[in-house]
Amino acid sequence: MVRRKDIDGSESVPCFYGKELRWKREAAGLTLQQLVEGSFYGLSHLSEIERGERRMPADLAEHVDRVLKTDGFFTRRCGDVRKAKRAGHARYFERVLEAEKYAETIEEWCPTAIPGLLQTEPYAQAMVRAAHPLAPDEEVDEKANARMARARLFEDDAKTPEYWAILHESLLRHPILPLDEMADQLGHIAALAQRRRILPQILPWNCGAHPLMLGTAMIMAFPDAPPLVYTEAQYSGDTIDDPALVKKYRKAYDRLRAAALPPKASLAMIEEAAEDYRNGKRPA
């Protein structure tokens, strides 16, 4: 019989929370499956919470408190766990940072900047510096490195989600970096597409009015939890799990995808723009 690995509650706030959850569940004589029954979440989701690898959603915490009769303990404490900050990322982004690691699909629309998961280090540093012009170099490096760490998502064949990104054509024509670095940035996106890690589509600049004109959208679907939508402004972000709102974003993204160029034509456009930058000229 394989011995179960113990949880070190001193390692982090999520680990402490997970250890308490396991202790209460086992004291009640319940299996993971029995505890999760009646919720919208899967057994694996709850198991990862117990191991401190995943944060507890508020609705699941309420379900756990009802079943274990813990007088709201896990509901009150799940907010504290979510606030446990990870270096390099804003607090409002913590839920997304964790969720994207477990997502089955990620679909993203970012009209004014290349999405963080696709950025090269120079692009990430330029974006961070633009948002925090007076920050010391060490802070800029920390934030940029944290963004680079997210992109390791595409390195693991077993866990790579299906990632679909719709990019506005202006992102190809707007060189926020020196030309050679812009060539590297677009070449990086093209290489990920060629390796079948991502599916990029380009929304033409002259497509007219289109869905999601007023902001970003990141839609994540999971095998063991309800879908989430994340939207972001310059210094704030909002994670949406309300089913009715998620459904609206889902439909809007599908309409946006229909307005974009097909993946093959989009990749050709990205590669052409990258080649123009390599040759020292801005794409027409």
C-alpha atoms as a PDB file:
ATOM      1  CA  MET A   1       0.000   0.000   0.000  1.00  0.00           C
ATOM      2  CA  VAL A   2       1.348   3.432  -0.976  1.00  0.00           C
ATOM      3  CA  ARG A   3       1.776   5.682   2.026  1.00  0.00           C
ATOM      4  CA  ARG A   4      -0.050   8.968   1.717  1.00  0.00           C
ATOM      5  CA  LYS A   5       2.186  12.018   1.684  1.00  0.00           C
ATOM      6  CA  ASP A   6       1.672  14.262   4.688  1.00  0.00           C
ATOM      7  CA  ILE A   7       0.980  17.972   4.248  1.00  0.00           C
ATOM      8  CA  ASP A   8       3.376  20.469   5.785  1.00  0.00           C
ATOM      9  CA  GLY A   9       1.026  23.152   7.049  1.00  0.00           C
ATOM     10  CA  SER A  10       3.938  25.488   7.819  1.00  0.00           C
ATOM     11  CA  GLU A  11       4.990  25.670   4.166  1.00  0.00           C
ATOM     12  CA  SER A  12       2.390  28.255   3.125  1.00  0.00           C
ATOM     13  CA  VAL A  13      -1.057  29.616   3.922  1.00  0.00           C
ATOM     14  CA  PRO A  14      -2.713  27.360   1.283  1.00  0.00           C
ATOM     15  CA  CYS A  15      -0.946  24.301   2.768  1.00  0.00           C
ATOM     16  CA  PHE A  16      -2.132  25.178   6.273  1.00  0.00           C
ATOM     17  CA  TYR A  17      -5.679  25.589   4.990  1.00  0.00           C
ATOM     18  CA  GLY A  18      -5.489  22.319   3.053  1.00  0.00           C
ATOM     19  CA  LYS A  19      -4.196  20.410   6.068  1.00  0.00           C
ATOM     20  CA  GLU A  20      -7.078  21.699   8.191  1.00  0.00           C
ATOM     21  CA  LEU A  21      -9.532  20.684   5.471  1.00  0.00           C
ATOM     22  CA  ARG A  22      -8.156  17.148   5.297  1.00  0.00           C
ATOM     23  CA  TRP A  23      -8.191  16.831   9.099  1.00  0.00           C
ATOM     24  CA  LYS A  24     -11.826  17.951   9.339  1.00  0.00           C
ATOM     25  CA  ARG A  25     -12.897  15.700   6.451  1.00  0.00           C
ATOM     26  CA  GLU A  26     -11.211  12.614   7.877  1.00  0.00           C
ATOM     27  CA  ALA A  27     -12.520  13.387  11.375  1.00  0.00           C
ATOM     28  CA  ALA A  28     -16.006  13.349   9.849  1.00  0.00           C
ATOM     29  CA  GLY A  29     -15.261   9.969   8.250  1.00  0.00           C
ATOM     30  CA  LEU A  30     -15.770  11.236   4.694  1.00  0.00           C
ATOM     31  CA  THR A  31     -13.857  10.459   1.504  1.00  0.00           C
ATOM     32  CA  LEU A  32     -12.990  13.168  -0.982  1.00  0.00           C
ATOM     33  CA  GLN A  33     -15.774  11.915  -3.252  1.00  0.00           C
ATOM     34  CA  GLN A  34     -18.342  12.022  -0.476  1.00  0.00           C
ATOM     35  CA  LEU A  35     -17.365  15.572   0.485  1.00  0.00           C
ATOM     36  CA  VAL A  36     -17.488  16.944  -3.020  1.00  0.00           C
ATOM     37  CA  GLU A  37     -20.852  15.353  -3.910  1.00  0.00           C
ATOM     38  CA  GLY A  38     -23.540  17.967  -4.427  1.00  0.00           C
ATOM     39  CA  SER A  39     -21.085  20.660  -5.528  1.00  0.00           C
ATOM     40  CA  PHE A  40     -20.063  21.718  -9.033  1.00  0.00           C
ATOM     41  CA  TYR A  41     -16.466  20.569  -8.486  1.00  0.00           C
ATOM     42  CA  GLY A  42     -14.587  17.334  -9.062  1.00  0.00           C
ATOM     43  CA  LEU A  43     -12.699  15.076  -6.677  1.00  0.00           C
ATOM     44  CA  SER A  44      -9.323  16.116  -8.120  1.00  0.00           C
ATOM     45  CA  HIS A  45     -10.099  19.785  -7.457  1.00  0.00           C
ATOM     46  CA  LEU A  46     -10.733  19.125  -3.772  1.00  0.00           C
ATOM     47  CA  SER A  47      -7.674  16.891  -3.498  1.00  0.00           C
ATOM     48  CA  GLU A  48      -5.443  19.667  -4.875  1.00  0.00           C
ATOM     49  CA  ILE A  49      -6.916  22.112  -2.338  1.00  0.00           C
ATOM     50  CA  GLU A  50      -6.036  19.716   0.475  1.00  0.00           C
ATOM     51  CA  ARG A  51      -2.452  19.510  -0.800  1.00  0.00           C
ATOM     52  CA  GLY A  52      -2.172  23.311  -0.872  1.00  0.00           C
ATOM     53  CA  GLU A  53      -1.829  23.372  -4.668  1.00  0.00           C
ATOM     54  CA  ARG A  54      -5.098  25.149  -5.382  1.00  0.00           C
ATOM     55  CA  ARG A  55      -7.142  27.877  -3.708  1.00  0.00           C
ATOM     56  CA  MET A  56     -10.658  27.253  -2.409  1.00  0.00           C
ATOM     57  CA  PRO A  57     -13.501  28.900  -4.384  1.00  0.00           C
ATOM     58  CA  ALA A  58     -16.047  30.622  -2.151  1.00  0.00           C
ATOM     59  CA  ASP A  59     -19.002  28.499  -3.278  1.00  0.00           C
ATOM     60  CA  LEU A  60     -17.091  25.274  -2.654  1.00  0.00           C
ATOM     61  CA  ALA A  61     -16.051  26.560   0.799  1.00  0.00           C
ATOM     62  CA  GLU A  62     -19.715  27.178   1.637  1.00  0.00           C
ATOM     63  CA  HIS A  63     -20.554  23.635   0.494  1.00  0.00           C
ATOM     64  CA  VAL A  64     -17.735  22.167   2.630  1.00  0.00           C
ATOM     65  CA  ASP A  65     -18.888  24.116   5.700  1.00  0.00           C
ATOM     66  CA  ARG A  66     -22.431  22.788   5.278  1.00  0.00           C
ATOM     67  CA  VAL A  67     -21.348  19.173   4.896  1.00  0.00           C
ATOM     68  CA  LEU A  68     -18.714  19.229   7.654  1.00  0.00           C
ATOM     69  CA  LYS A  69     -20.814  21.485   9.914  1.00  0.00           C
ATOM     70  CA  THR A  70     -17.795  23.748  10.533  1.00  0.00           C
ATOM     71  CA  ASP A  71     -19.788  26.912  11.241  1.00  0.00           C
ATOM     72  CA  GLY A  72     -18.435  28.888   8.254  1.00  0.00           C
ATOM     73  CA  PHE A  73     -14.757  28.263   9.106  1.00  0.00           C
ATOM     74  CA  PHE A  74     -13.615  27.427   5.561  1.00  0.00           C
ATOM     75  CA  THR A  75     -15.748  30.167   4.000  1.00  0.00           C
ATOM     76  CA  ARG A  76     -14.248  32.787   6.316  1.00  0.00           C
ATOM     77  CA  ARG A  77     -10.679  31.593   5.752  1.00  0.00           C
ATOM     78  CA  CYS A  78     -10.738  31.012   1.981  1.00  0.00           C
ATOM     79  CA  GLY A  79     -10.386  34.767   1.393  1.00  0.00           C
ATOM     80  CA  ASP A  80      -7.235  34.802   3.515  1.00  0.00           C
ATOM     81  CA  VAL A  81      -5.798  31.986   1.422  1.00  0.00           C
ATOM     82  CA  ARG A  82      -6.540  33.807  -1.828  1.00  0.00           C
ATOM     83  CA  LYS A  83      -4.748  36.895  -0.471  1.00  0.00           C
ATOM     84  CA  ALA A  84      -1.545  34.957   0.153  1.00  0.00           C
ATOM     85  CA  LYS A  85       0.583  36.923  -2.305  1.00  0.00           C
ATOM     86  CA  ARG A  86       2.933  35.404  -4.841  1.00  0.00           C
ATOM     87  CA  ALA A  87       5.947  37.507  -5.786  1.00  0.00           C
ATOM     88  CA  GLY A  88       5.740  39.415  -9.041  1.00  0.00           C
ATOM     89  CA  HIS A  89       1.963  39.371  -9.490  1.00  0.00           C
ATOM     90  CA  ALA A  90      -0.806  41.723  -8.441  1.00  0.00           C
ATOM     91  CA  ARG A  91      -3.154  40.384  -5.783  1.00  0.00           C
ATOM     92  CA  TYR A  92      -6.178  40.586  -8.096  1.00  0.00           C
ATOM     93  CA  PHE A  93      -4.418  38.236 -10.519  1.00  0.00           C
ATOM     94  CA  GLU A  94      -3.788  35.420  -8.021  1.00  0.00           C
ATOM     95  CA  ARG A  95      -6.899  33.412  -8.860  1.00  0.00           C
ATOM     96  CA  VAL A  96      -6.078  33.451 -12.576  1.00  0.00           C
ATOM     97  CA  LEU A  97      -2.444  32.542 -11.983  1.00  0.00           C
ATOM     98  CA  GLU A  98      -3.563  29.355 -10.303  1.00  0.00           C
ATOM     99  CA  ALA A  99      -6.548  28.620 -12.536  1.00  0.00           C
ATOM    100  CA  GLU A 100      -4.642  28.716 -15.823  1.00  0.00           C
ATOM    101  CA  LYS A 101      -2.427  25.845 -14.633  1.00  0.00           C
ATOM    102  CA  TYR A 102      -5.479  23.582 -14.395  1.00  0.00           C
ATOM    103  CA  ALA A 103      -7.456  24.876 -17.376  1.00  0.00           C
ATOM    104  CA  GLU A 104      -8.441  22.537 -20.165  1.00  0.00           C
ATOM    105  CA  THR A 105      -8.871  25.464 -22.561  1.00  0.00           C
ATOM    106  CA  ILE A 106      -7.816  29.120 -22.403  1.00  0.00           C
ATOM    107  CA  GLU A 107      -9.228  31.610 -24.901  1.00  0.00           C
ATOM    108  CA  GLU A 108      -7.886  35.138 -24.772  1.00  0.00           C
ATOM    109  CA  TRP A 109      -8.564  38.503 -26.360  1.00  0.00           C
ATOM    110  CA  CYS A 110      -6.266  41.411 -25.620  1.00  0.00           C
ATOM    111  CA  PRO A 111      -6.765  44.274 -28.107  1.00  0.00           C
ATOM    112  CA  THR A 112      -4.009  46.666 -26.988  1.00  0.00           C
ATOM    113  CA  ALA A 113      -1.106  44.412 -25.956  1.00  0.00           C
ATOM    114  CA  ILE A 114       0.217  40.946 -26.651  1.00  0.00           C
ATOM    115  CA  PRO A 115      -1.143  38.630 -23.910  1.00  0.00           C
ATOM    116  CA  GLY A 116       1.212  37.891 -21.023  1.00  0.00           C
ATOM    117  CA  LEU A 117       1.428  34.175 -21.816  1.00  0.00           C
ATOM    118  CA  LEU A 118       2.874  35.034 -25.246  1.00  0.00           C
ATOM    119  CA  GLN A 119       5.283  37.826 -24.311  1.00  0.00           C
ATOM    120  CA  THR A 120       9.044  37.679 -24.643  1.00  0.00           C
ATOM    121  CA  GLU A 121      11.139  39.107 -21.808  1.00  0.00           C
ATOM    122  CA  PRO A 122      11.882  42.468 -23.526  1.00  0.00           C
ATOM    123  CA  TYR A 123       8.177  42.933 -24.297  1.00  0.00           C
ATOM    124  CA  ALA A 124       7.211  42.066 -20.709  1.00  0.00           C
ATOM    125  CA  GLN A 125       9.777  44.499 -19.315  1.00  0.00           C
ATOM    126  CA  ALA A 126       8.547  47.260 -21.620  1.00  0.00           C
ATOM    127  CA  MET A 127       4.950  46.684 -20.499  1.00  0.00           C
ATOM    128  CA  VAL A 128       5.885  46.658 -16.805  1.00  0.00           C
ATOM    129  CA  ARG A 129       8.044  49.775 -17.169  1.00  0.00           C
ATOM    130  CA  ALA A 130       5.236  51.610 -18.979  1.00  0.00           C
ATOM    131  CA  ALA A 131       2.811  50.792 -16.146  1.00  0.00           C
ATOM    132  CA  HIS A 132       5.323  51.550 -13.360  1.00  0.00           C
ATOM    133  CA  PRO A 133       7.700  54.216 -14.723  1.00  0.00           C
ATOM    134  CA  LEU A 134       9.271  55.034 -11.330  1.00  0.00           C
ATOM    135  CA  ALA A 135       9.722  51.451 -10.115  1.00  0.00           C
ATOM    136  CA  PRO A 136      13.315  50.316  -9.382  1.00  0.00           C
ATOM    137  CA  ASP A 137      14.893  47.934 -11.868  1.00  0.00           C
ATOM    138  CA  GLU A 138      14.690  45.055  -9.365  1.00  0.00           C
ATOM    139  CA  GLU A 139      10.902  45.367  -9.146  1.00  0.00           C
ATOM    140  CA  VAL A 140      10.543  45.546 -12.928  1.00  0.00           C
ATOM    141  CA  ASP A 141      12.704  42.434 -13.311  1.00  0.00           C
ATOM    142  CA  GLU A 142      10.669  40.584 -10.664  1.00  0.00           C
ATOM    143  CA  LYS A 143       7.374  41.353 -12.393  1.00  0.00           C
ATOM    144  CA  ALA A 144       8.726  40.500 -15.856  1.00  0.00           C
ATOM    145  CA  ASN A 145      10.273  37.241 -14.629  1.00  0.00           C
ATOM    146  CA  ALA A 146       6.989  36.265 -12.998  1.00  0.00           C
ATOM    147  CA  ARG A 147       5.282  36.773 -16.341  1.00  0.00           C
ATOM    148  CA  MET A 148       7.911  34.643 -18.065  1.00  0.00           C
ATOM    149  CA  ALA A 149       7.336  31.859 -15.549  1.00  0.00           C
ATOM    150  CA  ARG A 150       3.673  31.673 -16.585  1.00  0.00           C
ATOM    151  CA  ALA A 151       4.698  30.827 -20.141  1.00  0.00           C
ATOM    152  CA  ARG A 152       6.209  27.525 -18.969  1.00  0.00           C
ATOM    153  CA  LEU A 153       2.648  26.327 -19.335  1.00  0.00           C
ATOM    154  CA  PHE A 154       3.480  25.572 -22.981  1.00  0.00           C
ATOM    155  CA  GLU A 155       6.544  23.461 -22.185  1.00  0.00           C
ATOM    156  CA  ASP A 156       4.771  20.501 -20.577  1.00  0.00           C
ATOM    157  CA  ASP A 157       3.152  18.252 -23.189  1.00  0.00           C
ATOM    158  CA  ALA A 158       1.022  16.496 -20.587  1.00  0.00           C
ATOM    159  CA  LYS A 159      -0.497  19.662 -19.091  1.00  0.00           C
ATOM    160  CA  THR A 160      -0.578  22.145 -21.969  1.00  0.00           C
ATOM    161  CA  PRO A 161      -4.092  23.601 -22.261  1.00  0.00           C
ATOM    162  CA  GLU A 162      -5.689  24.297 -25.631  1.00  0.00           C
ATOM    163  CA  TYR A 163      -4.815  27.989 -25.947  1.00  0.00           C
ATOM    164  CA  TRP A 164      -6.566  30.229 -28.450  1.00  0.00           C
ATOM    165  CA  ALA A 165      -5.576  33.894 -28.757  1.00  0.00           C
ATOM    166  CA  ILE A 166      -7.244  36.544 -30.884  1.00  0.00           C
ATOM    167  CA  LEU A 167      -4.899  39.486 -31.532  1.00  0.00           C
ATOM    168  CA  HIS A 168      -5.786  42.815 -33.093  1.00  0.00           C
ATOM    169  CA  GLU A 169      -3.812  43.498 -36.284  1.00  0.00           C
ATOM    170  CA  SER A 170      -2.538  46.779 -34.813  1.00  0.00           C
ATOM    171  CA  LEU A 171      -0.346  44.749 -32.427  1.00  0.00           C
ATOM    172  CA  LEU A 172       1.679  43.599 -35.432  1.00  0.00           C
ATOM    173  CA  ARG A 173       2.108  47.139 -36.739  1.00  0.00           C
ATOM    174  CA  HIS A 174       2.856  48.927 -33.457  1.00  0.00           C
ATOM    175  CA  PRO A 175       6.560  48.482 -32.605  1.00  0.00           C
ATOM    176  CA  ILE A 176       6.796  49.196 -28.885  1.00  0.00           C
ATOM    177  CA  LEU A 177      10.281  47.619 -29.012  1.00  0.00           C
ATOM    178  CA  PRO A 178      13.297  48.073 -31.298  1.00  0.00           C
ATOM    179  CA  LEU A 179      12.696  46.395 -34.645  1.00  0.00           C
ATOM    180  CA  ASP A 180      14.891  43.352 -33.958  1.00  0.00           C
ATOM    181  CA  GLU A 181      13.145  42.716 -30.632  1.00  0.00           C
ATOM    182  CA  MET A 182       9.738  43.070 -32.278  1.00  0.00           C
ATOM    183  CA  ALA A 183      10.882  40.469 -34.810  1.00  0.00           C
ATOM    184  CA  ASP A 184      11.779  38.142 -31.939  1.00  0.00           C
ATOM    185  CA  GLN A 185       8.423  38.755 -30.234  1.00  0.00           C
ATOM    186  CA  LEU A 186       6.361  37.924 -33.309  1.00  0.00           C
ATOM    187  CA  GLY A 187       8.702  35.072 -34.181  1.00  0.00           C
ATOM    188  CA  HIS A 188       8.079  33.627 -30.719  1.00  0.00           C
ATOM    189  CA  ILE A 189       4.310  33.630 -31.301  1.00  0.00           C
ATOM    190  CA  ALA A 190       4.776  32.049 -34.727  1.00  0.00           C
ATOM    191  CA  ALA A 191       7.049  29.345 -33.290  1.00  0.00           C
ATOM    192  CA  LEU A 192       4.474  28.419 -30.640  1.00  0.00           C
ATOM    193  CA  ALA A 193       1.834  28.143 -33.358  1.00  0.00           C
ATOM    194  CA  GLN A 194       4.094  26.016 -35.565  1.00  0.00           C
ATOM    195  CA  ARG A 195       4.758  23.683 -32.623  1.00  0.00           C
ATOM    196  CA  ARG A 196       0.983  23.282 -32.165  1.00  0.00           C
ATOM    197  CA  ARG A 197       1.116  24.920 -28.731  1.00  0.00           C
ATOM    198  CA  ILE A 198      -1.281  27.773 -29.538  1.00  0.00           C
ATOM    199  CA  LEU A 199      -3.858  28.832 -32.125  1.00  0.00           C
ATOM    200  CA  PRO A 200      -3.540  32.555 -32.918  1.00  0.00           C
ATOM    201  CA  GLN A 201      -6.024  34.509 -35.003  1.00  0.00           C
ATOM    202  CA  ILE A 202      -5.694  38.086 -36.213  1.00  0.00           C
ATOM    203  CA  LEU A 203      -8.624  40.476 -36.157  1.00  0.00           C
ATOM    204  CA  PRO A 204      -8.156  42.806 -39.192  1.00  0.00           C
ATOM    205  CA  TRP A 205      -7.833  46.507 -38.422  1.00  0.00           C
ATOM    206  CA  ASN A 206     -10.662  47.328 -40.875  1.00  0.00           C
ATOM    207  CA  CYS A 207     -13.213  44.785 -39.610  1.00  0.00           C
ATOM    208  CA  GLY A 208     -15.484  47.509 -38.241  1.00  0.00           C
ATOM    209  CA  ALA A 209     -17.460  47.274 -35.007  1.00  0.00           C
ATOM    210  CA  HIS A 210     -16.940  43.936 -33.301  1.00  0.00           C
ATOM    211  CA  PRO A 211     -17.686  42.147 -29.998  1.00  0.00           C
ATOM    212  CA  LEU A 212     -15.563  42.895 -26.912  1.00  0.00           C
ATOM    213  CA  MET A 213     -14.385  46.257 -28.258  1.00  0.00           C
ATOM    214  CA  LEU A 214     -14.296  47.781 -24.785  1.00  0.00           C
ATOM    215  CA  GLY A 215     -11.886  45.467 -23.012  1.00  0.00           C
ATOM    216  CA  THR A 216      -9.995  42.224 -22.565  1.00  0.00           C
ATOM    217  CA  ALA A 217     -11.366  38.739 -21.973  1.00  0.00           C
ATOM    218  CA  MET A 218      -9.735  35.515 -20.851  1.00  0.00           C
ATOM    219  CA  ILE A 219     -12.091  32.517 -20.770  1.00  0.00           C
ATOM    220  CA  MET A 220     -10.927  29.392 -18.939  1.00  0.00           C
ATOM    221  CA  ALA A 221     -12.696  26.023 -18.906  1.00  0.00           C
ATOM    222  CA  PHE A 222     -11.804  23.157 -16.568  1.00  0.00           C
ATOM    223  CA  PRO A 223     -12.456  19.420 -16.420  1.00  0.00           C
ATOM    224  CA  ASP A 224     -13.432  19.569 -12.724  1.00  0.00           C
ATOM    225  CA  ALA A 225     -14.823  23.070 -12.099  1.00  0.00           C
ATOM    226  CA  PRO A 226     -17.149  25.679 -13.665  1.00  0.00           C
ATOM    227  CA  PRO A 227     -15.643  28.082 -16.247  1.00  0.00           C
ATOM    228  CA  LEU A 228     -14.171  31.466 -15.348  1.00  0.00           C
ATOM    229  CA  VAL A 229     -13.754  34.748 -17.196  1.00  0.00           C
ATOM    230  CA  TYR A 230     -11.044  37.268 -16.340  1.00  0.00           C
ATOM    231  CA  THR A 231     -11.057  40.881 -17.518  1.00  0.00           C
ATOM    232  CA  GLU A 232      -8.332  43.421 -16.833  1.00  0.00           C
ATOM    233  CA  ALA A 233      -7.679  47.157 -16.851  1.00  0.00           C
ATOM    234  CA  GLN A 234      -4.330  48.895 -16.268  1.00  0.00           C
ATOM    235  CA  TYR A 235      -4.258  48.540 -12.474  1.00  0.00           C
ATOM    236  CA  SER A 236      -7.154  46.214 -11.704  1.00  0.00           C
ATOM    237  CA  GLY A 237      -8.678  42.935 -12.739  1.00  0.00           C
ATOM    238  CA  ASP A 238     -11.938  41.079 -12.209  1.00  0.00           C
ATOM    239  CA  THR A 239     -12.568  37.323 -12.132  1.00  0.00           C
ATOM    240  CA  ILE A 240     -16.128  36.444 -13.144  1.00  0.00           C
ATOM    241  CA  ASP A 241     -17.778  33.136 -12.267  1.00  0.00           C
ATOM    242  CA  ASP A 242     -21.452  34.100 -12.498  1.00  0.00           C
ATOM    243  CA  PRO A 243     -22.888  31.571 -15.024  1.00  0.00           C
ATOM    244  CA  ALA A 244     -25.057  34.128 -16.832  1.00  0.00           C
ATOM    245  CA  LEU A 245     -22.163  36.561 -17.339  1.00  0.00           C
ATOM    246  CA  VAL A 246     -19.755  33.799 -18.323  1.00  0.00           C
ATOM    247  CA  LYS A 247     -22.273  32.699 -20.951  1.00  0.00           C
ATOM    248  CA  LYS A 248     -22.418  36.246 -22.391  1.00  0.00           C
ATOM    249  CA  TYR A 249     -18.634  36.415 -22.651  1.00  0.00           C
ATOM    250  CA  ARG A 250     -18.590  32.963 -24.200  1.00  0.00           C
ATOM    251  CA  LYS A 251     -21.000  34.012 -26.963  1.00  0.00           C
ATOM    252  CA  ALA A 252     -19.191  37.331 -27.536  1.00  0.00           C
ATOM    253  CA  TYR A 253     -15.843  35.560 -27.904  1.00  0.00           C
ATOM    254  CA  ASP A 254     -17.317  33.109 -30.417  1.00  0.00           C
ATOM    255  CA  ARG A 255     -18.636  36.010 -32.490  1.00  0.00           C
ATOM    256  CA  LEU A 256     -15.250  37.727 -32.269  1.00  0.00           C
ATOM    257  CA  ARG A 257     -13.523  34.565 -33.461  1.00  0.00           C
ATOM    258  CA  ALA A 258     -15.877  34.436 -36.446  1.00  0.00           C
ATOM    259  CA  ALA A 259     -14.817  37.997 -37.402  1.00  0.00           C
ATOM    260  CA  ALA A 260     -11.086  37.160 -37.248  1.00  0.00           C
ATOM    261  CA  LEU A 261      -8.925  35.716 -40.017  1.00  0.00           C
ATOM    262  CA  PRO A 262      -8.524  31.906 -40.143  1.00  0.00           C
ATOM    263  CA  PRO A 263      -5.547  30.492 -38.194  1.00  0.00           C
ATOM    264  CA  LYS A 264      -3.505  29.697 -41.324  1.00  0.00           C
ATOM    265  CA  ALA A 265      -3.884  33.185 -42.789  1.00  0.00           C
ATOM    266  CA  SER A 266      -3.261  34.714 -39.351  1.00  0.00           C
ATOM    267  CA  LEU A 267       0.009  32.798 -38.920  1.00  0.00           C
ATOM    268  CA  ALA A 268       1.153  33.916 -42.360  1.00  0.00           C
ATOM    269  CA  MET A 269       0.463  37.546 -41.399  1.00  0.00           C
ATOM    270  CA  ILE A 270       2.419  37.184 -38.139  1.00  0.00           C
ATOM    271  CA  GLU A 271       5.378  35.607 -39.957  1.00  0.00           C
ATOM    272  CA  GLU A 272       5.350  38.310 -42.639  1.00  0.00           C
ATOM    273  CA  ALA A 273       5.365  41.083 -40.033  1.00  0.00           C
ATOM    274  CA  ALA A 274       8.230  39.387 -38.171  1.00  0.00           C
ATOM    275  CA  GLU A 275      10.239  39.169 -41.392  1.00  0.00           C
ATOM    276  CA  ASP A 276       9.658  42.851 -42.112  1.00  0.00           C
ATOM    277  CA  TYR A 277      11.034  43.765 -38.668  1.00  0.00           C
ATOM    278  CA  ARG A 278      14.060  41.518 -39.223  1.00  0.00           C
ATOM    279  CA  ASN A 279      14.726  43.393 -42.446  1.00  0.00           C
ATOM    280  CA  GLY A 280      14.690  46.697 -40.588  1.00  0.00           C
ATOM    281  CA  LYS A 281      11.335  48.033 -41.684  1.00  0.00           C
ATOM    282  CA  ARG A 282       7.904  48.446 -40.122  1.00  0.00           C
ATOM    283  CA  PRO A 283       5.155  46.248 -41.590  1.00  0.00           C
ATOM    284  CA  ALA A 284       2.931  48.103 -44.011  1.00  0.00           C
END
